[in-house]
Protein backbone atom coordinates (compact mmCIF):
# COMPACT_ATOMS: atom_id res chain seq x y z
CA MET A 1 0.01 0.00 0.05
CA HIS A 2 2.71 2.50 1.01
CA HIS A 3 6.38 3.07 0.15
CA ASN A 4 8.77 1.95 2.86
CA HIS A 5 6.04 2.49 5.67
CA ASN A 6 5.77 6.25 4.93
CA SER A 7 2.51 8.03 4.13
CA LYS A 8 2.95 8.07 0.33
CA LEU A 9 0.46 5.77 -1.65
CA LEU A 10 1.70 3.62 -4.48
CA PRO A 11 1.43 5.38 -7.78
CA SER A 12 -1.27 2.94 -9.05
CA LEU A 13 -3.46 3.62 -5.97
CA SER A 14 -2.97 7.36 -6.30
CA ALA A 15 -4.13 7.16 -9.90
CA LEU A 16 -7.11 5.10 -8.95
CA PHE A 17 -8.24 7.57 -6.32
CA ARG A 18 -7.86 10.47 -8.76
CA ALA A 19 -10.01 8.63 -11.18
CA PHE A 20 -12.70 8.26 -8.42
CA ASP A 21 -12.44 12.03 -7.97
CA ASN A 22 -13.01 12.62 -11.58
CA VAL A 23 -16.16 10.53 -11.95
CA ASP A 24 -17.79 11.42 -8.65
CA PRO A 25 -20.32 14.25 -8.85
CA PRO A 26 -19.29 17.52 -7.08
CA GLU A 27 -20.43 17.65 -3.46
CA HIS A 28 -21.69 21.18 -3.77
CA ARG A 29 -22.98 22.00 -7.18
CA GLN A 30 -23.58 25.79 -7.44
CA LYS A 31 -27.15 26.98 -8.18
CA ALA A 32 -27.80 29.00 -11.36
CA SER A 33 -28.04 32.77 -11.00
CA THR A 34 -31.15 34.57 -11.98
CA PRO A 35 -32.06 38.06 -13.35
CA LYS A 36 -33.53 38.92 -10.06
CA PHE A 37 -30.28 38.13 -8.31
CA LEU A 38 -28.20 40.17 -10.84
CA ARG A 39 -30.52 43.22 -10.31
CA HIS A 40 -29.79 42.99 -6.60
CA LEU A 41 -26.03 42.66 -7.39
CA PHE A 42 -26.28 45.84 -9.42
CA ARG A 43 -27.32 47.73 -6.26
CA PHE A 44 -23.66 47.44 -5.16
CA GLY A 45 -22.65 49.44 -8.18
CA GLN A 46 -25.64 51.56 -9.09
CA THR A 47 -23.90 55.00 -9.09
CA LYS A 48 -23.98 56.82 -12.48
CA LEU A 49 -20.62 58.41 -11.59
CA ILE A 50 -17.42 57.00 -13.25
CA ARG A 51 -15.20 56.49 -10.22
CA PRO A 52 -12.44 54.03 -9.44
CA ASN A 53 -14.54 51.86 -7.23
CA ILE A 54 -13.84 48.09 -7.05
CA TYR A 55 -17.52 47.19 -6.36
CA ASP A 56 -18.82 49.29 -9.28
CA HIS A 57 -16.26 47.65 -11.69
CA ALA A 58 -16.83 44.10 -10.50
CA VAL A 59 -20.65 44.46 -10.88
CA ASP A 60 -20.18 45.78 -14.42
CA ILE A 61 -17.96 43.06 -15.58
CA ILE A 62 -19.90 40.36 -13.87
CA ILE A 63 -23.18 41.37 -15.51
CA GLY A 64 -21.64 42.10 -18.83
CA ASN A 65 -19.96 38.67 -18.93
CA PHE A 66 -23.10 36.86 -18.00
CA PHE A 67 -24.50 37.69 -21.50
CA PHE A 68 -21.51 35.78 -22.86
CA ALA A 69 -21.71 32.89 -20.39
CA SER A 70 -18.00 33.60 -19.60
CA ARG A 71 -15.91 31.62 -17.19
CA SER A 72 -14.73 33.57 -14.13
CA CYS A 73 -11.20 33.13 -15.25
CA GLU A 74 -12.01 34.99 -18.44
CA TYR A 75 -13.08 38.19 -16.59
CA ALA A 76 -11.10 37.93 -13.33
CA ILE A 77 -7.69 36.76 -12.34
CA PRO A 78 -7.64 33.10 -11.14
CA PRO A 79 -5.37 31.98 -8.24
CA ARG A 80 -3.29 30.07 -10.72
CA PRO A 81 -2.61 30.97 -14.31
CA GLY A 82 -4.16 28.48 -16.77
CA LYS A 83 -4.79 27.94 -20.41
CA THR A 84 -7.72 30.46 -20.59
CA GLN A 85 -6.81 33.99 -21.46
CA THR A 86 -8.21 36.72 -19.20
CA LEU A 87 -10.03 39.45 -21.22
CA CYS A 88 -8.24 42.62 -22.09
CA LEU A 89 -9.61 45.81 -23.59
CA HIS A 90 -8.47 44.81 -27.11
CA HIS A 91 -10.84 41.81 -26.93
CA ILE A 92 -13.98 43.89 -26.70
CA LYS A 93 -15.39 45.99 -29.69
CA PHE A 94 -18.40 48.26 -29.83
CA ARG A 95 -20.35 49.25 -32.91
CA ASP A 96 -23.12 51.82 -33.44
CA LYS A 97 -26.52 51.28 -35.10
CA HIS A 98 -24.82 51.32 -38.42
CA LYS A 99 -22.37 48.77 -37.22
CA ARG A 100 -19.54 51.21 -37.51
CA LEU A 101 -16.68 50.57 -35.03
CA LEU A 102 -16.58 52.86 -31.98
CA SER A 103 -13.60 54.18 -30.05
CA ILE A 104 -13.36 52.97 -26.49
CA THR A 105 -12.34 56.58 -25.61
CA ASP A 106 -15.56 58.03 -26.92
CA PRO A 107 -17.24 59.87 -24.04
CA HIS A 108 -20.62 58.91 -25.46
CA LEU A 109 -19.77 55.18 -25.85
CA GLU A 110 -22.53 54.04 -23.53
CA ASP A 111 -25.19 55.91 -25.42
CA GLN A 112 -24.02 55.04 -28.87
CA ALA A 113 -23.05 51.41 -28.46
CA ILE A 114 -25.79 49.05 -29.99
CA TYR A 115 -23.55 45.90 -30.46
CA VAL A 116 -20.65 44.61 -28.45
CA SER A 117 -18.30 41.80 -29.53
CA VAL A 118 -15.89 39.83 -27.21
CA THR A 119 -13.10 37.75 -28.70
CA PHE A 120 -11.94 34.82 -26.47
CA GLU A 121 -8.28 34.08 -27.36
CA ASP A 122 -7.91 30.60 -25.87
CA GLN A 123 -10.52 28.53 -24.03
CA LYS A 124 -10.53 25.28 -22.04
CA SER A 125 -12.62 23.89 -24.88
CA GLY A 126 -9.77 24.29 -27.26
CA GLN A 127 -11.42 27.02 -29.29
CA LYS A 128 -9.09 29.88 -30.19
CA MET A 129 -9.98 33.42 -31.20
CA LYS A 130 -13.77 32.85 -30.89
CA THR A 131 -15.71 36.04 -31.25
CA ARG A 132 -19.25 36.34 -29.92
CA HIS A 133 -21.75 39.11 -30.37
CA GLN A 134 -24.40 40.63 -28.33
CA LYS A 135 -26.91 43.46 -28.94
CA ARG A 136 -28.07 46.22 -26.70
CA THR A 137 -31.17 45.55 -24.64
CA SER A 138 -33.87 47.94 -23.49
CA ASP A 139 -33.09 47.06 -19.82
CA PRO A 140 -31.05 49.80 -18.11
CA VAL A 141 -29.39 47.16 -15.75
CA LEU A 142 -29.21 43.91 -17.67
CA CYS A 143 -27.58 45.14 -20.85
CA PRO A 144 -24.12 43.95 -22.11
CA CYS A 145 -23.44 47.21 -24.07
CA ARG A 146 -24.17 49.41 -20.98
CA ARG A 147 -22.23 47.19 -18.52
CA PHE A 148 -19.22 46.74 -20.77
CA SER A 149 -19.07 50.37 -21.89
CA GLN A 150 -19.39 51.56 -18.29
CA ALA A 151 -16.47 49.19 -17.19
CA ILE A 152 -14.18 50.38 -20.09
CA ARG A 153 -15.00 53.99 -19.60
CA ARG A 154 -14.02 53.66 -15.99
CA ILE A 155 -10.60 52.30 -16.99
CA VAL A 156 -9.98 54.85 -19.70
CA THR A 157 -10.82 57.80 -17.36
CA THR A 158 -9.51 56.66 -14.00
CA PHE A 159 -6.64 54.30 -14.88
CA PRO A 160 -3.59 56.49 -15.86
CA GLU A 161 -1.42 53.80 -17.39
CA TRP A 162 -4.12 51.94 -19.31
CA SER A 163 -3.55 50.45 -22.70
CA VAL A 164 -5.45 48.09 -25.06
CA ASP A 165 -3.63 45.35 -23.25
CA THR A 166 -5.00 46.30 -19.84
CA HIS A 167 -7.09 43.63 -18.31
CA LEU A 168 -10.91 44.39 -18.32
CA CYS A 169 -10.80 43.61 -14.51
CA ALA A 170 -8.32 46.40 -13.84
CA VAL A 171 -9.28 49.09 -11.26
CA TYR A 172 -7.62 51.54 -8.98
CA VAL A 173 -8.00 50.84 -5.35
CA GLY A 174 -6.59 53.36 -2.82
CA ASN A 175 -4.47 54.96 -5.62
CA HIS A 176 -2.96 51.54 -6.54
CA PRO A 177 -3.62 49.49 -9.65
CA TYR A 178 -5.47 46.22 -8.91
CA ASN A 179 -6.79 43.37 -10.93
CA ILE A 180 -10.14 41.89 -9.62
CA THR A 181 -9.71 38.21 -8.76
CA ASN A 182 -12.28 35.54 -9.11
CA LYS A 183 -12.14 35.02 -5.35
CA PHE A 184 -13.36 38.49 -5.07
CA THR A 185 -16.15 38.06 -7.38
CA HIS A 186 -17.03 34.74 -5.65
CA ASP A 187 -17.22 36.50 -2.29
CA LEU A 188 -19.19 39.37 -3.73
CA LEU A 189 -21.86 37.08 -5.13
CA ARG A 190 -22.28 35.27 -1.80
CA HIS A 191 -22.21 38.61 0.11
CA THR A 192 -24.98 39.90 -2.20
CA CYS A 193 -27.11 36.70 -1.55
CA THR A 194 -26.61 37.22 2.21
CA LEU A 195 -27.30 40.92 2.32
CA PHE A 196 -30.59 40.78 0.36
CA GLY A 197 -32.20 37.86 2.13
CA GLY A 198 -30.58 34.69 0.97
CA GLU A 199 -32.87 31.69 0.39
CA SER A 200 -36.05 33.59 1.26
CA THR A 201 -35.30 36.09 -1.56
CA PHE A 202 -33.63 34.08 -4.26
CA GLY A 203 -34.45 30.55 -3.49
CA PHE A 204 -30.87 29.47 -2.73
CA LYS A 205 -28.52 29.93 0.07
CA PRO A 206 -25.26 32.09 -0.04
CA SER A 207 -23.25 28.83 0.27
CA GLU A 208 -24.95 27.39 -2.87
CA ILE A 209 -23.74 30.07 -5.33
CA GLY A 210 -20.41 31.11 -6.77
CA ASN A 211 -18.80 32.14 -10.06
CA LYS A 212 -20.04 29.07 -11.90
CA SER A 213 -23.63 30.28 -11.13
CA LEU A 214 -23.38 32.97 -13.73
CA ARG A 215 -22.41 30.55 -16.58
CA SER A 216 -25.14 28.11 -15.56
CA GLY A 217 -27.60 30.95 -15.20
CA ALA A 218 -26.88 32.10 -18.78
CA ALA A 219 -27.42 28.56 -20.03
CA MET A 220 -30.66 28.29 -18.10
CA ALA A 221 -31.99 31.63 -19.63
CA LEU A 222 -31.42 30.26 -23.02
CA PHE A 223 -33.02 26.88 -22.22
CA VAL A 224 -36.13 28.73 -21.22
CA GLN A 225 -36.06 30.49 -24.58
CA ASN A 226 -35.86 27.02 -26.34
CA HIS A 227 -32.27 27.70 -27.53
CA SER A 228 -29.77 24.85 -27.68
CA THR A 229 -27.49 24.90 -24.62
CA ALA A 230 -24.76 23.30 -26.67
CA HIS A 231 -24.01 26.61 -28.23
CA HIS A 232 -25.38 28.94 -25.47
CA ALA A 233 -22.26 31.10 -25.31
CA ALA A 234 -22.58 32.04 -28.96
CA ARG A 235 -26.26 33.18 -28.83
CA PRO A 236 -27.65 36.39 -27.51
CA VAL A 237 -29.18 36.29 -24.05
CA VAL A 238 -32.55 38.31 -23.83
CA PHE A 239 -34.77 38.72 -20.83
């Protein structure tokens, strides 16, 4: 069983236990987020002022990426670098009603943006340089154009050293540059659930949600609309 009476298992047994871990279902599967939950999340960043605030910025990028069913490592920094590329400003493009490309420095970007496109350079699925598109919605909160334009305007106007290679999750905190981590977004989601009533309000407990809730919530929204979930990330999400 062990090598020379120490605590290390034989390689064959270690491999077997790893296989069990891979086929066993997760102990705590995260519940899907809902539009109602996202509206409560927005209340953390509902100010109309463009200011270097980590909560405002996190809310904008979380809701914006919900429409693209993004993984948390695509819009926030993971604890360990992996294959997936975290989004930078050059990955996001806006177009007006005539589908003309808009500049991200345009002070009227939020009002003029009708379409937003996000290019995912490298994904866990093996897809590279996959561009997905979304259209502006009539909802003042749940709109990918509004949320992404707000996030990018915040970087352009409050982040002195910004460039097109700056991460979308970049924000100034206490006069210092900071990249929002997926631990921060995870904690923010659970804090939102706790603050606004938890299970009695949303139907799930704070411990039952996390970063994966957004991706599964986007898939559920499309399922309700009779879209195939096999390609949910490439189709527009409409409420």
